[in-house]
């Protein structure tokens, strides 16, 4: 059964990751057989490959989870409202992904947006960071949180998945408010530091490479890091839109952005105020919407 919604306009379910993978797989198989449903953009997750190797008692347990949650009926069929929602999520033109890491845990929250609504899927797993900065998972995620939401509460749902630091979870307010720290342009919201490849290598190895101490701490010993990405694909094409940002929280919040021409990008770390992640989310989603609208306006009339 769904949990009580803490965030208005949401309904949240918790289940094993394999049960959710089974629901998605069943819906995808059903929708592929329906006329007029374009599933070409759907890519199954790694959990789907595990389903084929499960024994009958384990599968029966997964089926029971889905029936208890109300996703399937007593006969094991995906209920129509869930089939419709999963189909819309699989073909959604805008996808938001947020990965946050803190205290040896990595939390992933993916949201597919469609018709003013969305489905968020969140899971947490333990990770370890090697000396070279690479992050490796120590275990698979056993439980997922699935949230049906109104797009109006997209940020609260994403913020709920992050470590409880106000600098990360604060709302961003109006992106057009005109304050000096509200814009998406690197440098407008604080001091910025341009990093070379040698700087990054030195910081990863524990040196400071002449970079200001706060920046060095943010890279080498962050309390939390956040990666946000917004993607979109125009209907009927493979034309992509992608916008992303990375943040590190130490004694302050730093955003990591790219600057310069496409042929000579450089990494810039910008001191940011609380709420910067929320503001960038708004800008990126608006950018995805604008991209889709502009592409639609250039399509030839049928």
C-alpha atoms as a PDB file:
ATOM      1  CA  UNK A   1       0.000   0.000   0.000  1.00  0.00           C
ATOM      2  CA  UNK A   2       1.213   3.573  -0.574  1.00  0.00           C
ATOM      3  CA  UNK A   3       2.789   5.421   2.324  1.00  0.00           C
ATOM      4  CA  UNK A   4       1.218   8.595   3.645  1.00  0.00           C
ATOM      5  CA  UNK A   5       2.292  11.473   1.420  1.00  0.00           C
ATOM      6  CA  UNK A   6       4.543  13.926   3.247  1.00  0.00           C
ATOM      7  CA  UNK A   7       4.774  16.186   0.193  1.00  0.00           C
ATOM      8  CA  UNK A   8       1.453  17.480  -1.187  1.00  0.00           C
ATOM      9  CA  UNK A   9       0.384  16.180  -4.615  1.00  0.00           C
ATOM     10  CA  UNK A  10       2.472  13.020  -4.234  1.00  0.00           C
ATOM     11  CA  UNK A  11       1.867   9.367  -3.465  1.00  0.00           C
ATOM     12  CA  UNK A  12       4.851   7.269  -2.436  1.00  0.00           C
ATOM     13  CA  UNK A  13       5.376   3.490  -2.574  1.00  0.00           C
ATOM     14  CA  UNK A  14       8.295   1.451  -1.227  1.00  0.00           C
ATOM     15  CA  UNK A  15       9.182  -1.987  -2.550  1.00  0.00           C
ATOM     16  CA  UNK A  16      12.141  -4.159  -3.457  1.00  0.00           C
ATOM     17  CA  UNK A  17      14.079  -3.069  -6.526  1.00  0.00           C
ATOM     18  CA  UNK A  18      13.325  -6.391  -8.212  1.00  0.00           C
ATOM     19  CA  UNK A  19       9.581  -5.977  -7.688  1.00  0.00           C
ATOM     20  CA  UNK A  20       9.717  -2.570  -9.355  1.00  0.00           C
ATOM     21  CA  UNK A  21      11.860  -3.977 -12.178  1.00  0.00           C
ATOM     22  CA  UNK A  22       9.218  -6.663 -12.713  1.00  0.00           C
ATOM     23  CA  UNK A  23       6.457  -4.034 -12.889  1.00  0.00           C
ATOM     24  CA  UNK A  24       8.379  -1.980 -15.449  1.00  0.00           C
ATOM     25  CA  UNK A  25       9.225  -5.071 -17.497  1.00  0.00           C
ATOM     26  CA  UNK A  26       5.617  -6.282 -17.544  1.00  0.00           C
ATOM     27  CA  UNK A  27       4.361  -2.854 -18.586  1.00  0.00           C
ATOM     28  CA  UNK A  28       6.981  -2.553 -21.316  1.00  0.00           C
ATOM     29  CA  UNK A  29       6.137  -5.975 -22.725  1.00  0.00           C
ATOM     30  CA  UNK A  30       2.429  -5.126 -22.786  1.00  0.00           C
ATOM     31  CA  UNK A  31       2.933  -1.704 -24.371  1.00  0.00           C
ATOM     32  CA  UNK A  32       5.182  -3.006 -27.134  1.00  0.00           C
ATOM     33  CA  UNK A  33       2.214  -4.943 -28.455  1.00  0.00           C
ATOM     34  CA  UNK A  34      -0.065  -1.911 -28.626  1.00  0.00           C
ATOM     35  CA  UNK A  35      -0.422   0.099 -31.819  1.00  0.00           C
ATOM     36  CA  UNK A  36       0.690   3.713 -31.711  1.00  0.00           C
ATOM     37  CA  UNK A  37       3.012   3.326 -28.701  1.00  0.00           C
ATOM     38  CA  UNK A  38       6.617   4.302 -29.441  1.00  0.00           C
ATOM     39  CA  UNK A  39       8.941   2.436 -27.074  1.00  0.00           C
ATOM     40  CA  UNK A  40      12.101   3.026 -29.121  1.00  0.00           C
ATOM     41  CA  UNK A  41      13.541   5.338 -26.467  1.00  0.00           C
ATOM     42  CA  UNK A  42      13.013   2.865 -23.623  1.00  0.00           C
ATOM     43  CA  UNK A  43      16.118   1.223 -22.161  1.00  0.00           C
ATOM     44  CA  UNK A  44      15.629  -1.416 -19.444  1.00  0.00           C
ATOM     45  CA  UNK A  45      17.608  -1.119 -16.221  1.00  0.00           C
ATOM     46  CA  UNK A  46      20.199  -3.706 -15.101  1.00  0.00           C
ATOM     47  CA  UNK A  47      17.709  -5.295 -12.682  1.00  0.00           C
ATOM     48  CA  UNK A  48      15.634  -6.602 -15.601  1.00  0.00           C
ATOM     49  CA  UNK A  49      18.441  -8.998 -16.556  1.00  0.00           C
ATOM     50  CA  UNK A  50      18.240 -10.534 -13.080  1.00  0.00           C
ATOM     51  CA  UNK A  51      14.564 -11.458 -13.424  1.00  0.00           C
ATOM     52  CA  UNK A  52      15.214 -14.313 -15.849  1.00  0.00           C
ATOM     53  CA  UNK A  53      17.337 -16.140 -13.285  1.00  0.00           C
ATOM     54  CA  UNK A  54      14.859 -16.019 -10.397  1.00  0.00           C
ATOM     55  CA  UNK A  55      13.144 -19.159  -9.129  1.00  0.00           C
ATOM     56  CA  UNK A  56       9.361 -19.505  -8.837  1.00  0.00           C
ATOM     57  CA  UNK A  57       9.100 -18.800  -5.069  1.00  0.00           C
ATOM     58  CA  UNK A  58      11.102 -15.586  -5.471  1.00  0.00           C
ATOM     59  CA  UNK A  59       8.967 -14.469  -8.428  1.00  0.00           C
ATOM     60  CA  UNK A  60       5.836 -15.243  -6.441  1.00  0.00           C
ATOM     61  CA  UNK A  61       7.093 -13.008  -3.665  1.00  0.00           C
ATOM     62  CA  UNK A  62       7.650 -10.163  -6.131  1.00  0.00           C
ATOM     63  CA  UNK A  63       4.179 -10.667  -7.559  1.00  0.00           C
ATOM     64  CA  UNK A  64       2.748 -10.424  -4.060  1.00  0.00           C
ATOM     65  CA  UNK A  65       4.548  -7.119  -3.486  1.00  0.00           C
ATOM     66  CA  UNK A  66       3.049  -5.637  -6.641  1.00  0.00           C
ATOM     67  CA  UNK A  67      -0.449  -6.825  -5.799  1.00  0.00           C
ATOM     68  CA  UNK A  68      -0.183  -5.446  -2.255  1.00  0.00           C
ATOM     69  CA  UNK A  69       0.955  -2.096  -3.649  1.00  0.00           C
ATOM     70  CA  UNK A  70      -2.001  -2.029  -6.022  1.00  0.00           C
ATOM     71  CA  UNK A  71       0.173  -2.038  -9.144  1.00  0.00           C
ATOM     72  CA  UNK A  72      -1.175  -5.391 -10.343  1.00  0.00           C
ATOM     73  CA  UNK A  73      -4.559  -7.046  -9.915  1.00  0.00           C
ATOM     74  CA  UNK A  74      -5.197 -10.459  -8.377  1.00  0.00           C
ATOM     75  CA  UNK A  75      -4.455 -12.112 -11.736  1.00  0.00           C
ATOM     76  CA  UNK A  76      -1.049 -10.442 -11.948  1.00  0.00           C
ATOM     77  CA  UNK A  77      -1.980  -7.956 -14.678  1.00  0.00           C
ATOM     78  CA  UNK A  78      -0.697  -4.373 -14.514  1.00  0.00           C
ATOM     79  CA  UNK A  79      -3.638  -2.159 -13.566  1.00  0.00           C
ATOM     80  CA  UNK A  80      -4.685   0.258 -16.357  1.00  0.00           C
ATOM     81  CA  UNK A  81      -3.705   3.427 -14.464  1.00  0.00           C
ATOM     82  CA  UNK A  82      -0.231   2.046 -13.778  1.00  0.00           C
ATOM     83  CA  UNK A  83       0.152   0.803 -17.340  1.00  0.00           C
ATOM     84  CA  UNK A  84      -0.681   4.279 -18.587  1.00  0.00           C
ATOM     85  CA  UNK A  85       1.689   5.975 -16.113  1.00  0.00           C
ATOM     86  CA  UNK A  86       4.583   3.597 -16.818  1.00  0.00           C
ATOM     87  CA  UNK A  87       4.055   3.976 -20.548  1.00  0.00           C
ATOM     88  CA  UNK A  88       4.158   7.766 -20.247  1.00  0.00           C
ATOM     89  CA  UNK A  89       7.294   7.562 -18.102  1.00  0.00           C
ATOM     90  CA  UNK A  90       9.045   5.257 -20.571  1.00  0.00           C
ATOM     91  CA  UNK A  91       8.378   7.675 -23.444  1.00  0.00           C
ATOM     92  CA  UNK A  92       8.715  10.928 -21.458  1.00  0.00           C
ATOM     93  CA  UNK A  93      10.555  13.707 -23.296  1.00  0.00           C
ATOM     94  CA  UNK A  94      12.110  15.218 -20.165  1.00  0.00           C
ATOM     95  CA  UNK A  95      14.123  13.243 -17.629  1.00  0.00           C
ATOM     96  CA  UNK A  96      15.758  14.617 -14.477  1.00  0.00           C
ATOM     97  CA  UNK A  97      18.496  12.661 -12.694  1.00  0.00           C
ATOM     98  CA  UNK A  98      20.036  13.608  -9.362  1.00  0.00           C
ATOM     99  CA  UNK A  99      22.833  11.695  -7.627  1.00  0.00           C
ATOM    100  CA  UNK A 100      23.974  12.758  -4.155  1.00  0.00           C
ATOM    101  CA  UNK A 101      26.776  11.207  -2.104  1.00  0.00           C
ATOM    102  CA  UNK A 102      27.557  11.624   1.567  1.00  0.00           C
ATOM    103  CA  UNK A 103      28.909   9.490   4.431  1.00  0.00           C
ATOM    104  CA  UNK A 104      29.586   6.461   2.227  1.00  0.00           C
ATOM    105  CA  UNK A 105      26.101   6.402   0.682  1.00  0.00           C
ATOM    106  CA  UNK A 106      25.008   7.280  -2.836  1.00  0.00           C
ATOM    107  CA  UNK A 107      21.357   8.141  -3.508  1.00  0.00           C
ATOM    108  CA  UNK A 108      19.971   8.200  -7.033  1.00  0.00           C
ATOM    109  CA  UNK A 109      16.669   9.880  -7.897  1.00  0.00           C
ATOM    110  CA  UNK A 110      15.365   9.784 -11.469  1.00  0.00           C
ATOM    111  CA  UNK A 111      12.201  11.591 -12.505  1.00  0.00           C
ATOM    112  CA  UNK A 112      10.421  11.192 -15.843  1.00  0.00           C
ATOM    113  CA  UNK A 113       8.144  14.176 -16.553  1.00  0.00           C
ATOM    114  CA  UNK A 114       5.035  14.089 -18.736  1.00  0.00           C
ATOM    115  CA  UNK A 115       1.844  16.168 -18.994  1.00  0.00           C
ATOM    116  CA  UNK A 116       2.575  18.141 -15.817  1.00  0.00           C
ATOM    117  CA  UNK A 117       3.138  14.968 -13.818  1.00  0.00           C
ATOM    118  CA  UNK A 118       5.974  12.553 -13.209  1.00  0.00           C
ATOM    119  CA  UNK A 119       7.279   9.330 -11.697  1.00  0.00           C
ATOM    120  CA  UNK A 120      10.318   9.502  -9.410  1.00  0.00           C
ATOM    121  CA  UNK A 121      12.340   6.375  -8.635  1.00  0.00           C
ATOM    122  CA  UNK A 122      14.864   6.658  -5.805  1.00  0.00           C
ATOM    123  CA  UNK A 123      17.344   4.212  -4.314  1.00  0.00           C
ATOM    124  CA  UNK A 124      20.372   4.326  -2.017  1.00  0.00           C
ATOM    125  CA  UNK A 125      23.424   2.074  -1.961  1.00  0.00           C
ATOM    126  CA  UNK A 126      26.786   2.052  -0.132  1.00  0.00           C
ATOM    127  CA  UNK A 127      29.796   3.270  -2.107  1.00  0.00           C
ATOM    128  CA  UNK A 128      33.527   3.698  -1.653  1.00  0.00           C
ATOM    129  CA  UNK A 129      35.711   6.436  -3.124  1.00  0.00           C
ATOM    130  CA  UNK A 130      39.158   5.388  -4.305  1.00  0.00           C
ATOM    131  CA  UNK A 131      42.298   7.517  -4.026  1.00  0.00           C
ATOM    132  CA  UNK A 132      41.928   8.590  -7.673  1.00  0.00           C
ATOM    133  CA  UNK A 133      38.421   9.884  -6.978  1.00  0.00           C
ATOM    134  CA  UNK A 134      36.532   7.072  -8.663  1.00  0.00           C
ATOM    135  CA  UNK A 135      33.379   5.905  -6.902  1.00  0.00           C
ATOM    136  CA  UNK A 136      32.412   2.228  -6.813  1.00  0.00           C
ATOM    137  CA  UNK A 137      29.226   0.646  -5.479  1.00  0.00           C
ATOM    138  CA  UNK A 138      29.696  -1.892  -2.689  1.00  0.00           C
ATOM    139  CA  UNK A 139      26.251  -3.444  -3.037  1.00  0.00           C
ATOM    140  CA  UNK A 140      23.099  -3.254  -5.145  1.00  0.00           C
ATOM    141  CA  UNK A 141      20.089  -1.262  -4.001  1.00  0.00           C
ATOM    142  CA  UNK A 142      17.592  -3.532  -2.276  1.00  0.00           C
ATOM    143  CA  UNK A 143      14.725  -1.071  -1.856  1.00  0.00           C
ATOM    144  CA  UNK A 144      13.342   1.607  -4.165  1.00  0.00           C
ATOM    145  CA  UNK A 145      10.990   4.486  -3.398  1.00  0.00           C
ATOM    146  CA  UNK A 146       8.534   5.229  -6.198  1.00  0.00           C
ATOM    147  CA  UNK A 147       6.692   8.553  -6.081  1.00  0.00           C
ATOM    148  CA  UNK A 148       3.846   9.709  -8.303  1.00  0.00           C
ATOM    149  CA  UNK A 149       4.001  13.497  -8.339  1.00  0.00           C
ATOM    150  CA  UNK A 150       2.783  16.744  -9.784  1.00  0.00           C
ATOM    151  CA  UNK A 151       5.548  18.630 -11.580  1.00  0.00           C
ATOM    152  CA  UNK A 152       4.796  21.553  -9.248  1.00  0.00           C
ATOM    153  CA  UNK A 153       6.500  19.634  -6.405  1.00  0.00           C
ATOM    154  CA  UNK A 154       9.454  18.339  -8.443  1.00  0.00           C
ATOM    155  CA  UNK A 155      12.014  20.146  -6.282  1.00  0.00           C
ATOM    156  CA  UNK A 156      10.680  18.951  -2.882  1.00  0.00           C
ATOM    157  CA  UNK A 157      10.768  15.361  -4.184  1.00  0.00           C
ATOM    158  CA  UNK A 158      14.365  15.733  -5.383  1.00  0.00           C
ATOM    159  CA  UNK A 159      15.413  17.587  -2.214  1.00  0.00           C
ATOM    160  CA  UNK A 160      14.013  14.760  -0.084  1.00  0.00           C
ATOM    161  CA  UNK A 161      16.531  12.382  -1.693  1.00  0.00           C
ATOM    162  CA  UNK A 162      19.587  14.468  -0.723  1.00  0.00           C
ATOM    163  CA  UNK A 163      21.625  14.575   2.503  1.00  0.00           C
ATOM    164  CA  UNK A 164      19.946  16.903   5.040  1.00  0.00           C
ATOM    165  CA  UNK A 165      22.161  19.947   4.563  1.00  0.00           C
ATOM    166  CA  UNK A 166      20.255  23.203   4.108  1.00  0.00           C
ATOM    167  CA  UNK A 167      22.760  24.428   1.523  1.00  0.00           C
ATOM    168  CA  UNK A 168      21.683  21.521  -0.700  1.00  0.00           C
ATOM    169  CA  UNK A 169      17.967  21.266   0.011  1.00  0.00           C
ATOM    170  CA  UNK A 170      16.957  24.938   0.205  1.00  0.00           C
ATOM    171  CA  UNK A 171      14.466  26.123  -2.397  1.00  0.00           C
ATOM    172  CA  UNK A 172      15.730  28.554  -4.989  1.00  0.00           C
ATOM    173  CA  UNK A 173      12.819  30.976  -5.223  1.00  0.00           C
ATOM    174  CA  UNK A 174      12.094  32.819  -8.469  1.00  0.00           C
ATOM    175  CA  UNK A 175      14.910  32.340 -11.028  1.00  0.00           C
ATOM    176  CA  UNK A 176      14.066  35.769 -12.497  1.00  0.00           C
ATOM    177  CA  UNK A 177      14.189  37.600  -9.165  1.00  0.00           C
ATOM    178  CA  UNK A 178      17.205  39.573 -10.337  1.00  0.00           C
ATOM    179  CA  UNK A 179      19.372  39.063  -7.248  1.00  0.00           C
ATOM    180  CA  UNK A 180      23.074  38.764  -7.825  1.00  0.00           C
ATOM    181  CA  UNK A 181      23.179  35.126  -6.750  1.00  0.00           C
ATOM    182  CA  UNK A 182      20.173  33.812  -8.633  1.00  0.00           C
ATOM    183  CA  UNK A 183      21.341  33.504 -12.227  1.00  0.00           C
ATOM    184  CA  UNK A 184      22.731  30.468 -14.017  1.00  0.00           C
ATOM    185  CA  UNK A 185      25.743  32.342 -15.407  1.00  0.00           C
ATOM    186  CA  UNK A 186      29.085  31.222 -13.862  1.00  0.00           C
ATOM    187  CA  UNK A 187      30.552  33.972 -11.721  1.00  0.00           C
ATOM    188  CA  UNK A 188      27.367  35.879 -10.955  1.00  0.00           C
ATOM    189  CA  UNK A 189      26.830  34.179  -7.643  1.00  0.00           C
ATOM    190  CA  UNK A 190      30.226  34.521  -6.021  1.00  0.00           C
ATOM    191  CA  UNK A 191      33.961  34.212  -6.529  1.00  0.00           C
ATOM    192  CA  UNK A 192      35.085  31.757  -9.172  1.00  0.00           C
ATOM    193  CA  UNK A 193      38.229  29.714  -9.636  1.00  0.00           C
ATOM    194  CA  UNK A 194      39.343  28.323 -12.975  1.00  0.00           C
ATOM    195  CA  UNK A 195      40.973  24.910 -12.677  1.00  0.00           C
ATOM    196  CA  UNK A 196      43.417  23.369 -15.110  1.00  0.00           C
ATOM    197  CA  UNK A 197      43.885  19.640 -15.597  1.00  0.00           C
ATOM    198  CA  UNK A 198      46.979  19.860 -13.386  1.00  0.00           C
ATOM    199  CA  UNK A 199      44.956  21.598 -10.656  1.00  0.00           C
ATOM    200  CA  UNK A 200      42.348  18.840 -10.692  1.00  0.00           C
ATOM    201  CA  UNK A 201      45.026  16.124 -10.593  1.00  0.00           C
ATOM    202  CA  UNK A 202      46.793  17.824  -7.667  1.00  0.00           C
ATOM    203  CA  UNK A 203      43.577  18.324  -5.716  1.00  0.00           C
ATOM    204  CA  UNK A 204      42.572  14.696  -6.249  1.00  0.00           C
ATOM    205  CA  UNK A 205      45.964  13.651  -4.952  1.00  0.00           C
ATOM    206  CA  UNK A 206      45.654  15.788  -1.835  1.00  0.00           C
ATOM    207  CA  UNK A 207      47.623  18.860  -2.925  1.00  0.00           C
ATOM    208  CA  UNK A 208      46.243  22.361  -3.324  1.00  0.00           C
ATOM    209  CA  UNK A 209      48.015  23.445  -6.564  1.00  0.00           C
ATOM    210  CA  UNK A 210      47.783  27.059  -5.426  1.00  0.00           C
ATOM    211  CA  UNK A 211      43.968  26.898  -5.400  1.00  0.00           C
ATOM    212  CA  UNK A 212      42.191  28.740  -2.587  1.00  0.00           C
ATOM    213  CA  UNK A 213      41.829  26.531   0.542  1.00  0.00           C
ATOM    214  CA  UNK A 214      38.031  26.482   0.445  1.00  0.00           C
ATOM    215  CA  UNK A 215      38.042  25.147  -3.092  1.00  0.00           C
ATOM    216  CA  UNK A 216      40.663  22.530  -2.237  1.00  0.00           C
ATOM    217  CA  UNK A 217      38.549  21.320   0.694  1.00  0.00           C
ATOM    218  CA  UNK A 218      35.442  21.166  -1.476  1.00  0.00           C
ATOM    219  CA  UNK A 219      37.155  18.854  -3.950  1.00  0.00           C
ATOM    220  CA  UNK A 220      39.269  16.745  -1.602  1.00  0.00           C
ATOM    221  CA  UNK A 221      37.073  16.418   1.488  1.00  0.00           C
ATOM    222  CA  UNK A 222      33.512  17.344   0.657  1.00  0.00           C
ATOM    223  CA  UNK A 223      30.780  16.507   3.185  1.00  0.00           C
ATOM    224  CA  UNK A 224      28.472  15.882   0.245  1.00  0.00           C
ATOM    225  CA  UNK A 225      28.467  16.049  -3.539  1.00  0.00           C
ATOM    226  CA  UNK A 226      25.510  16.415  -5.895  1.00  0.00           C
ATOM    227  CA  UNK A 227      25.230  15.779  -9.634  1.00  0.00           C
ATOM    228  CA  UNK A 228      22.136  17.076 -11.437  1.00  0.00           C
ATOM    229  CA  UNK A 229      21.312  16.320 -15.060  1.00  0.00           C
ATOM    230  CA  UNK A 230      18.319  17.196 -17.231  1.00  0.00           C
ATOM    231  CA  UNK A 231      17.879  15.436 -20.559  1.00  0.00           C
ATOM    232  CA  UNK A 232      15.331  15.666 -23.327  1.00  0.00           C
ATOM    233  CA  UNK A 233      14.774  14.154 -26.749  1.00  0.00           C
ATOM    234  CA  UNK A 234      12.638  15.729 -29.432  1.00  0.00           C
ATOM    235  CA  UNK A 235       9.744  13.575 -30.661  1.00  0.00           C
ATOM    236  CA  UNK A 236      10.491  11.466 -33.726  1.00  0.00           C
ATOM    237  CA  UNK A 237      14.224  12.250 -33.684  1.00  0.00           C
ATOM    238  CA  UNK A 238      17.387  11.490 -31.794  1.00  0.00           C
ATOM    239  CA  UNK A 239      18.157  15.187 -31.290  1.00  0.00           C
ATOM    240  CA  UNK A 240      19.209  15.510 -27.618  1.00  0.00           C
ATOM    241  CA  UNK A 241      19.197  18.249 -25.007  1.00  0.00           C
ATOM    242  CA  UNK A 242      21.423  17.898 -21.962  1.00  0.00           C
ATOM    243  CA  UNK A 243      22.230  20.254 -19.097  1.00  0.00           C
ATOM    244  CA  UNK A 244      24.105  19.313 -15.956  1.00  0.00           C
ATOM    245  CA  UNK A 245      25.714  20.681 -12.829  1.00  0.00           C
ATOM    246  CA  UNK A 246      27.915  19.392 -10.011  1.00  0.00           C
ATOM    247  CA  UNK A 247      28.111  20.741  -6.458  1.00  0.00           C
ATOM    248  CA  UNK A 248      30.465  20.047  -3.552  1.00  0.00           C
ATOM    249  CA  UNK A 249      29.692  21.012   0.043  1.00  0.00           C
ATOM    250  CA  UNK A 250      32.520  21.590   2.518  1.00  0.00           C
ATOM    251  CA  UNK A 251      32.735  24.738   4.625  1.00  0.00           C
ATOM    252  CA  UNK A 252      30.713  26.326   1.835  1.00  0.00           C
ATOM    253  CA  UNK A 253      28.822  25.281  -1.274  1.00  0.00           C
ATOM    254  CA  UNK A 254      30.712  25.226  -4.559  1.00  0.00           C
ATOM    255  CA  UNK A 255      29.228  24.536  -7.978  1.00  0.00           C
ATOM    256  CA  UNK A 256      31.392  23.027 -10.689  1.00  0.00           C
ATOM    257  CA  UNK A 257      30.609  24.311 -14.162  1.00  0.00           C
ATOM    258  CA  UNK A 258      32.189  24.480 -17.591  1.00  0.00           C
ATOM    259  CA  UNK A 259      33.172  27.716 -19.287  1.00  0.00           C
ATOM    260  CA  UNK A 260      34.663  28.757 -22.606  1.00  0.00           C
ATOM    261  CA  UNK A 261      34.002  27.671 -26.206  1.00  0.00           C
ATOM    262  CA  UNK A 262      33.077  24.091 -27.017  1.00  0.00           C
ATOM    263  CA  UNK A 263      36.543  23.429 -28.427  1.00  0.00           C
ATOM    264  CA  UNK A 264      38.305  24.678 -25.276  1.00  0.00           C
ATOM    265  CA  UNK A 265      36.127  24.028 -22.249  1.00  0.00           C
ATOM    266  CA  UNK A 266      37.592  24.679 -18.798  1.00  0.00           C
ATOM    267  CA  UNK A 267      36.364  23.735 -15.359  1.00  0.00           C
ATOM    268  CA  UNK A 268      35.203  26.543 -13.091  1.00  0.00           C
ATOM    269  CA  UNK A 269      34.294  26.267  -9.412  1.00  0.00           C
ATOM    270  CA  UNK A 270      31.910  28.969  -8.223  1.00  0.00           C
ATOM    271  CA  UNK A 271      31.071  29.773  -4.622  1.00  0.00           C
ATOM    272  CA  UNK A 272      27.288  29.408  -4.448  1.00  0.00           C
ATOM    273  CA  UNK A 273      24.532  30.368  -2.037  1.00  0.00           C
ATOM    274  CA  UNK A 274      22.008  27.964  -0.523  1.00  0.00           C
ATOM    275  CA  UNK A 275      19.281  27.205  -3.043  1.00  0.00           C
ATOM    276  CA  UNK A 276      21.614  27.172  -6.056  1.00  0.00           C
ATOM    277  CA  UNK A 277      20.743  23.564  -6.941  1.00  0.00           C
ATOM    278  CA  UNK A 278      17.025  24.341  -6.929  1.00  0.00           C
ATOM    279  CA  UNK A 279      17.587  27.406  -9.110  1.00  0.00           C
ATOM    280  CA  UNK A 280      19.651  25.461 -11.611  1.00  0.00           C
ATOM    281  CA  UNK A 281      16.972  22.761 -11.762  1.00  0.00           C
ATOM    282  CA  UNK A 282      14.407  25.393 -12.774  1.00  0.00           C
ATOM    283  CA  UNK A 283      16.714  26.789 -15.463  1.00  0.00           C
ATOM    284  CA  UNK A 284      17.557  23.358 -16.857  1.00  0.00           C
ATOM    285  CA  UNK A 285      13.931  22.186 -17.044  1.00  0.00           C
ATOM    286  CA  UNK A 286      12.933  25.478 -18.666  1.00  0.00           C
ATOM    287  CA  UNK A 287      15.760  24.954 -21.142  1.00  0.00           C
ATOM    288  CA  UNK A 288      14.511  21.464 -21.955  1.00  0.00           C
ATOM    289  CA  UNK A 289      10.972  22.758 -22.480  1.00  0.00           C
ATOM    290  CA  UNK A 290      12.225  25.577 -24.691  1.00  0.00           C
ATOM    291  CA  UNK A 291      14.301  23.085 -26.700  1.00  0.00           C
ATOM    292  CA  UNK A 292      11.263  20.884 -27.306  1.00  0.00           C
ATOM    293  CA  UNK A 293       9.071  23.849 -28.226  1.00  0.00           C
ATOM    294  CA  UNK A 294      11.624  25.222 -30.684  1.00  0.00           C
ATOM    295  CA  UNK A 295      12.115  21.824 -32.282  1.00  0.00           C
ATOM    296  CA  UNK A 296       8.361  21.305 -32.586  1.00  0.00           C
ATOM    297  CA  UNK A 297       7.993  24.709 -34.273  1.00  0.00           C
ATOM    298  CA  UNK A 298      10.477  23.681 -36.987  1.00  0.00           C
ATOM    299  CA  UNK A 299       8.796  20.359 -37.807  1.00  0.00           C
ATOM    300  CA  UNK A 300       7.084  20.351 -41.220  1.00  0.00           C
ATOM    301  CA  UNK A 301       3.280  20.254 -41.197  1.00  0.00           C
ATOM    302  CA  UNK A 302       1.823  16.842 -41.925  1.00  0.00           C
END
